[in-house]
Amino acid sequence: MGDFNAKPGSRPVRMLHSQLEEFPGIHLTDVYSRVEPSEVHNTLHNFSGRVKPGSQPIDYIFVSDEFEIVESHVVTDPIDGRYPSDHYPLEATLRLRAEARTCTA
C-alpha cells in the first residue's frame, strides 16, 4: 500500500498484479478493481486540488485473497479548504473473508 510513484502499466505495478513465481500462494488485487472506471484518475495533484479525468493514479492498495474489497475511492475533498498532502488518499473498506477467519495455524 502506498505512494508507489508508478503508473498502472509500470513494471513494479505489473509485477504486483501478476502471480509471482517465487510466491505461488500469494495473489494480490488492486483496490481500483472496485472503483468505477470514470472515478479512476490522478492521485498526485501537487496541492492544486485538480482532478484530471482520464489520467492515471500513482498510489495503490493491494490486498491478498484473504480480504474482500467492499468499496474503494479516491478522496478529493480538502480539509478546511486545504489539502494535507500533494497526493489524494486512496481509501478502501476491506472485509476479512470467512474462510480466512476460520483458518488455524
N, C-alpha and C. Protein backbone atom coordinates (compact mmCIF):
# COMPACT_ATOMS: atom_id res chain seq x y z
N MET A 1 0.86 -1.16 0.00
CA MET A 1 0.00 0.00 0.00
C MET A 1 0.90 1.21 0.00
N GLY A 2 0.50 2.25 -0.74
CA GLY A 2 1.23 3.49 -0.61
C GLY A 2 1.52 4.21 -1.90
N ASP A 3 2.42 5.16 -1.76
CA ASP A 3 2.86 6.05 -2.81
C ASP A 3 3.94 5.34 -3.63
N PHE A 4 3.52 4.66 -4.66
CA PHE A 4 4.46 3.90 -5.49
C PHE A 4 5.17 4.81 -6.49
N ASN A 5 4.57 5.97 -6.78
CA ASN A 5 5.07 6.84 -7.85
C ASN A 5 5.24 6.04 -9.14
N ALA A 6 4.27 5.18 -9.40
CA ALA A 6 4.32 4.32 -10.57
C ALA A 6 2.93 4.23 -11.18
N LYS A 7 2.86 4.39 -12.48
CA LYS A 7 1.57 4.30 -13.18
C LYS A 7 1.17 2.84 -13.33
N PRO A 8 -0.12 2.60 -13.62
CA PRO A 8 -0.61 1.23 -13.70
C PRO A 8 0.16 0.30 -14.63
N GLY A 9 0.70 0.81 -15.72
CA GLY A 9 1.43 -0.03 -16.67
C GLY A 9 2.90 -0.19 -16.35
N SER A 10 3.37 0.40 -15.27
CA SER A 10 4.79 0.32 -14.93
C SER A 10 5.17 -1.10 -14.49
N ARG A 11 6.44 -1.40 -14.59
CA ARG A 11 6.92 -2.74 -14.24
C ARG A 11 6.59 -3.13 -12.80
N PRO A 12 6.85 -2.27 -11.79
CA PRO A 12 6.53 -2.68 -10.41
C PRO A 12 5.04 -3.00 -10.21
N VAL A 13 4.17 -2.21 -10.79
CA VAL A 13 2.73 -2.44 -10.62
C VAL A 13 2.31 -3.69 -11.38
N ARG A 14 2.85 -3.89 -12.57
CA ARG A 14 2.55 -5.12 -13.32
C ARG A 14 3.00 -6.35 -12.54
N MET A 15 4.14 -6.26 -11.88
CA MET A 15 4.65 -7.38 -11.10
C MET A 15 3.71 -7.70 -9.94
N LEU A 16 3.19 -6.68 -9.27
CA LEU A 16 2.28 -6.91 -8.16
C LEU A 16 0.95 -7.50 -8.63
N HIS A 17 0.54 -7.14 -9.85
CA HIS A 17 -0.70 -7.70 -10.40
C HIS A 17 -0.53 -9.16 -10.83
N SER A 18 0.68 -9.54 -11.17
CA SER A 18 0.91 -10.90 -11.68
C SER A 18 1.19 -11.86 -10.53
N GLN A 19 0.99 -13.11 -10.80
CA GLN A 19 1.32 -14.16 -9.84
C GLN A 19 2.83 -14.31 -9.87
N LEU A 20 3.50 -14.08 -8.77
CA LEU A 20 4.95 -14.16 -8.73
C LEU A 20 5.39 -15.62 -8.55
N GLU A 21 6.31 -16.05 -9.38
CA GLU A 21 6.78 -17.44 -9.34
C GLU A 21 7.35 -17.80 -7.97
N GLU A 22 8.04 -16.85 -7.33
CA GLU A 22 8.67 -17.13 -6.04
C GLU A 22 7.64 -17.32 -4.92
N PHE A 23 6.43 -16.80 -5.13
CA PHE A 23 5.39 -16.85 -4.11
C PHE A 23 4.08 -17.36 -4.73
N PRO A 24 4.01 -18.63 -5.09
CA PRO A 24 2.85 -19.14 -5.82
C PRO A 24 1.54 -19.07 -5.03
N GLY A 25 1.60 -19.01 -3.71
CA GLY A 25 0.38 -18.97 -2.91
C GLY A 25 -0.16 -17.57 -2.68
N ILE A 26 0.52 -16.57 -3.22
CA ILE A 26 0.09 -15.18 -2.98
C ILE A 26 -0.44 -14.57 -4.26
N HIS A 27 -1.64 -14.03 -4.18
CA HIS A 27 -2.26 -13.31 -5.29
C HIS A 27 -2.74 -11.98 -4.73
N LEU A 28 -2.39 -10.90 -5.38
CA LEU A 28 -2.78 -9.56 -4.92
C LEU A 28 -3.77 -8.93 -5.88
N THR A 29 -4.73 -8.22 -5.31
CA THR A 29 -5.73 -7.50 -6.10
C THR A 29 -5.63 -6.02 -5.77
N ASP A 30 -5.66 -5.21 -6.78
CA ASP A 30 -5.61 -3.76 -6.67
C ASP A 30 -7.01 -3.26 -6.32
N VAL A 31 -7.14 -2.40 -5.31
CA VAL A 31 -8.48 -1.95 -4.92
C VAL A 31 -9.16 -1.09 -5.98
N TYR A 32 -8.42 -0.65 -6.99
CA TYR A 32 -9.07 0.07 -8.09
C TYR A 32 -10.07 -0.81 -8.82
N SER A 33 -9.98 -2.13 -8.62
CA SER A 33 -10.95 -3.02 -9.24
C SER A 33 -12.36 -2.77 -8.72
N ARG A 34 -12.49 -2.07 -7.59
CA ARG A 34 -13.80 -1.74 -7.03
C ARG A 34 -14.14 -0.26 -7.18
N VAL A 35 -13.38 0.46 -7.98
CA VAL A 35 -13.63 1.87 -8.25
C VAL A 35 -14.23 1.98 -9.65
N GLU A 36 -15.29 2.75 -9.78
CA GLU A 36 -15.86 2.98 -11.10
C GLU A 36 -14.77 3.52 -12.03
N PRO A 37 -14.65 2.98 -13.25
CA PRO A 37 -13.60 3.45 -14.15
C PRO A 37 -13.57 4.96 -14.34
N SER A 38 -14.73 5.59 -14.35
CA SER A 38 -14.78 7.05 -14.52
C SER A 38 -14.22 7.79 -13.31
N GLU A 39 -14.08 7.09 -12.18
CA GLU A 39 -13.57 7.69 -10.95
C GLU A 39 -12.07 7.50 -10.77
N VAL A 40 -11.45 6.71 -11.64
CA VAL A 40 -10.01 6.49 -11.55
C VAL A 40 -9.31 7.62 -12.28
N HIS A 41 -8.47 8.33 -11.55
CA HIS A 41 -7.77 9.49 -12.11
C HIS A 41 -6.49 9.72 -11.33
N ASN A 42 -5.87 10.84 -11.56
CA ASN A 42 -4.62 11.17 -10.87
C ASN A 42 -4.79 11.13 -9.36
N THR A 43 -3.76 10.64 -8.68
CA THR A 43 -3.71 10.77 -7.22
C THR A 43 -2.70 11.84 -6.82
N LEU A 44 -1.77 12.16 -7.69
CA LEU A 44 -0.84 13.26 -7.44
C LEU A 44 -1.47 14.54 -7.98
N HIS A 45 -1.58 15.55 -7.11
CA HIS A 45 -2.16 16.82 -7.57
C HIS A 45 -1.30 18.02 -7.18
N ASN A 46 -0.18 17.79 -6.48
CA ASN A 46 0.75 18.86 -6.10
C ASN A 46 0.08 20.01 -5.37
N PHE A 47 -0.84 19.69 -4.47
CA PHE A 47 -1.57 20.67 -3.65
C PHE A 47 -2.52 21.55 -4.46
N SER A 48 -2.74 21.25 -5.73
CA SER A 48 -3.60 22.09 -6.58
C SER A 48 -5.08 21.72 -6.41
N GLY A 49 -5.35 20.49 -6.04
CA GLY A 49 -6.73 20.03 -5.94
C GLY A 49 -7.37 19.73 -7.28
N ARG A 50 -6.58 19.68 -8.34
CA ARG A 50 -7.14 19.41 -9.67
C ARG A 50 -7.29 17.92 -9.92
N VAL A 51 -8.45 17.56 -10.38
CA VAL A 51 -8.72 16.19 -10.82
C VAL A 51 -8.61 16.19 -12.32
N LYS A 52 -7.83 15.27 -12.85
CA LYS A 52 -7.64 15.18 -14.29
C LYS A 52 -8.28 13.89 -14.79
N PRO A 53 -9.55 13.96 -15.23
CA PRO A 53 -10.21 12.75 -15.72
C PRO A 53 -9.39 12.09 -16.82
N GLY A 54 -9.31 10.77 -16.74
CA GLY A 54 -8.56 10.02 -17.74
C GLY A 54 -7.09 9.87 -17.41
N SER A 55 -6.60 10.59 -16.41
CA SER A 55 -5.19 10.44 -16.03
C SER A 55 -5.05 9.24 -15.10
N GLN A 56 -3.83 8.85 -14.82
CA GLN A 56 -3.60 7.62 -14.08
C GLN A 56 -3.12 7.88 -12.66
N PRO A 57 -3.50 6.99 -11.74
CA PRO A 57 -3.04 7.12 -10.37
C PRO A 57 -1.60 6.62 -10.21
N ILE A 58 -0.95 7.03 -9.12
CA ILE A 58 0.38 6.51 -8.80
C ILE A 58 0.42 5.97 -7.37
N ASP A 59 -0.73 5.90 -6.72
CA ASP A 59 -0.85 5.38 -5.37
C ASP A 59 -1.76 4.16 -5.39
N TYR A 60 -1.47 3.16 -4.56
CA TYR A 60 -2.18 1.89 -4.64
C TYR A 60 -2.40 1.26 -3.27
N ILE A 61 -3.40 0.43 -3.22
CA ILE A 61 -3.59 -0.53 -2.14
C ILE A 61 -3.81 -1.87 -2.82
N PHE A 62 -2.97 -2.83 -2.47
CA PHE A 62 -3.12 -4.20 -2.96
C PHE A 62 -3.51 -5.06 -1.77
N VAL A 63 -4.43 -5.99 -1.99
CA VAL A 63 -4.86 -6.88 -0.91
C VAL A 63 -4.72 -8.33 -1.35
N SER A 64 -4.46 -9.19 -0.38
CA SER A 64 -4.37 -10.62 -0.65
C SER A 64 -5.78 -11.21 -0.71
N ASP A 65 -5.86 -12.46 -1.14
CA ASP A 65 -7.16 -13.12 -1.33
C ASP A 65 -7.93 -13.33 -0.04
N GLU A 66 -7.29 -13.16 1.11
CA GLU A 66 -7.99 -13.31 2.38
C GLU A 66 -8.97 -12.17 2.62
N PHE A 67 -8.86 -11.11 1.83
CA PHE A 67 -9.72 -9.94 2.01
C PHE A 67 -10.66 -9.73 0.83
N GLU A 68 -11.84 -9.30 1.14
CA GLU A 68 -12.82 -8.86 0.14
C GLU A 68 -12.78 -7.34 0.11
N ILE A 69 -12.74 -6.77 -1.08
CA ILE A 69 -12.78 -5.31 -1.21
C ILE A 69 -14.25 -4.91 -1.25
N VAL A 70 -14.72 -4.26 -0.21
CA VAL A 70 -16.12 -3.85 -0.12
C VAL A 70 -16.35 -2.62 -0.97
N GLU A 71 -15.49 -1.62 -0.81
CA GLU A 71 -15.57 -0.42 -1.64
C GLU A 71 -14.24 0.29 -1.59
N SER A 72 -14.04 1.18 -2.54
CA SER A 72 -12.81 1.95 -2.59
C SER A 72 -13.07 3.23 -3.38
N HIS A 73 -12.36 4.27 -3.01
CA HIS A 73 -12.46 5.52 -3.77
C HIS A 73 -11.27 6.42 -3.46
N VAL A 74 -11.05 7.37 -4.35
CA VAL A 74 -10.02 8.38 -4.18
C VAL A 74 -10.70 9.58 -3.50
N VAL A 75 -10.14 10.02 -2.39
CA VAL A 75 -10.71 11.12 -1.62
C VAL A 75 -10.13 12.43 -2.15
N THR A 76 -10.99 13.27 -2.71
CA THR A 76 -10.52 14.53 -3.31
C THR A 76 -10.96 15.77 -2.53
N ASP A 77 -11.61 15.57 -1.40
CA ASP A 77 -12.12 16.70 -0.62
C ASP A 77 -11.01 17.35 0.20
N PRO A 78 -10.94 18.69 0.19
CA PRO A 78 -9.98 19.36 1.07
C PRO A 78 -10.48 19.33 2.51
N ILE A 79 -9.58 19.58 3.43
CA ILE A 79 -9.92 19.70 4.84
C ILE A 79 -9.72 21.15 5.23
N ASP A 80 -10.80 21.80 5.65
CA ASP A 80 -10.76 23.23 5.99
C ASP A 80 -10.18 24.06 4.84
N GLY A 81 -10.53 23.68 3.61
CA GLY A 81 -10.11 24.44 2.44
C GLY A 81 -8.68 24.17 1.98
N ARG A 82 -7.99 23.24 2.61
CA ARG A 82 -6.60 22.97 2.25
C ARG A 82 -6.40 21.46 2.05
N TYR A 83 -5.37 21.13 1.33
CA TYR A 83 -5.02 19.73 1.10
C TYR A 83 -3.82 19.37 1.99
N PRO A 84 -3.96 18.35 2.82
CA PRO A 84 -2.87 17.99 3.74
C PRO A 84 -1.70 17.27 3.06
N SER A 85 -1.89 16.90 1.81
CA SER A 85 -0.84 16.18 1.08
C SER A 85 -0.90 16.58 -0.39
N ASP A 86 0.21 16.33 -1.09
CA ASP A 86 0.22 16.57 -2.53
C ASP A 86 -0.39 15.39 -3.29
N HIS A 87 -0.80 14.35 -2.57
CA HIS A 87 -1.48 13.20 -3.15
C HIS A 87 -2.87 13.09 -2.55
N TYR A 88 -3.83 12.69 -3.39
CA TYR A 88 -5.15 12.35 -2.86
C TYR A 88 -5.04 10.99 -2.19
N PRO A 89 -5.67 10.83 -1.04
CA PRO A 89 -5.64 9.50 -0.42
C PRO A 89 -6.55 8.52 -1.14
N LEU A 90 -6.14 7.29 -1.16
CA LEU A 90 -6.95 6.19 -1.68
C LEU A 90 -7.50 5.48 -0.45
N GLU A 91 -8.81 5.33 -0.40
CA GLU A 91 -9.46 4.74 0.76
C GLU A 91 -10.16 3.45 0.35
N ALA A 92 -10.03 2.44 1.19
CA ALA A 92 -10.68 1.16 0.90
C ALA A 92 -11.29 0.57 2.17
N THR A 93 -12.46 0.01 2.01
CA THR A 93 -13.09 -0.75 3.08
C THR A 93 -12.92 -2.22 2.72
N LEU A 94 -12.30 -2.96 3.63
CA LEU A 94 -12.00 -4.36 3.40
C LEU A 94 -12.73 -5.22 4.43
N ARG A 95 -13.00 -6.45 4.04
CA ARG A 95 -13.62 -7.41 4.95
C ARG A 95 -12.81 -8.69 4.88
N LEU A 96 -12.44 -9.20 6.06
CA LEU A 96 -11.74 -10.47 6.12
C LEU A 96 -12.73 -11.57 5.72
N ARG A 97 -12.37 -12.36 4.73
CA ARG A 97 -13.26 -13.41 4.24
C ARG A 97 -13.46 -14.47 5.32
N ALA A 98 -14.63 -15.06 5.34
CA ALA A 98 -14.99 -16.05 6.35
C ALA A 98 -13.99 -17.19 6.40
N GLU A 99 -13.56 -17.68 5.24
CA GLU A 99 -12.63 -18.81 5.22
C GLU A 99 -11.28 -18.43 5.82
N ALA A 100 -10.90 -17.17 5.73
CA ALA A 100 -9.65 -16.72 6.33
C ALA A 100 -9.78 -16.62 7.84
N ARG A 101 -10.98 -16.34 8.33
CA ARG A 101 -11.21 -16.23 9.78
C ARG A 101 -11.20 -17.59 10.45
N THR A 102 -11.52 -18.63 9.70
CA THR A 102 -11.60 -19.95 10.29
C THR A 102 -10.31 -20.75 10.15
N CYS A 103 -9.33 -20.22 9.47
CA CYS A 103 -8.06 -20.93 9.32
C CYS A 103 -7.30 -20.92 10.63
N THR A 104 -6.62 -22.01 10.91
CA THR A 104 -5.76 -22.08 12.08
C THR A 104 -4.34 -22.37 11.63
N ALA A 105 -3.43 -21.83 12.37
CA ALA A 105 -2.02 -22.01 12.00
C ALA A 105 -1.46 -23.29 12.56
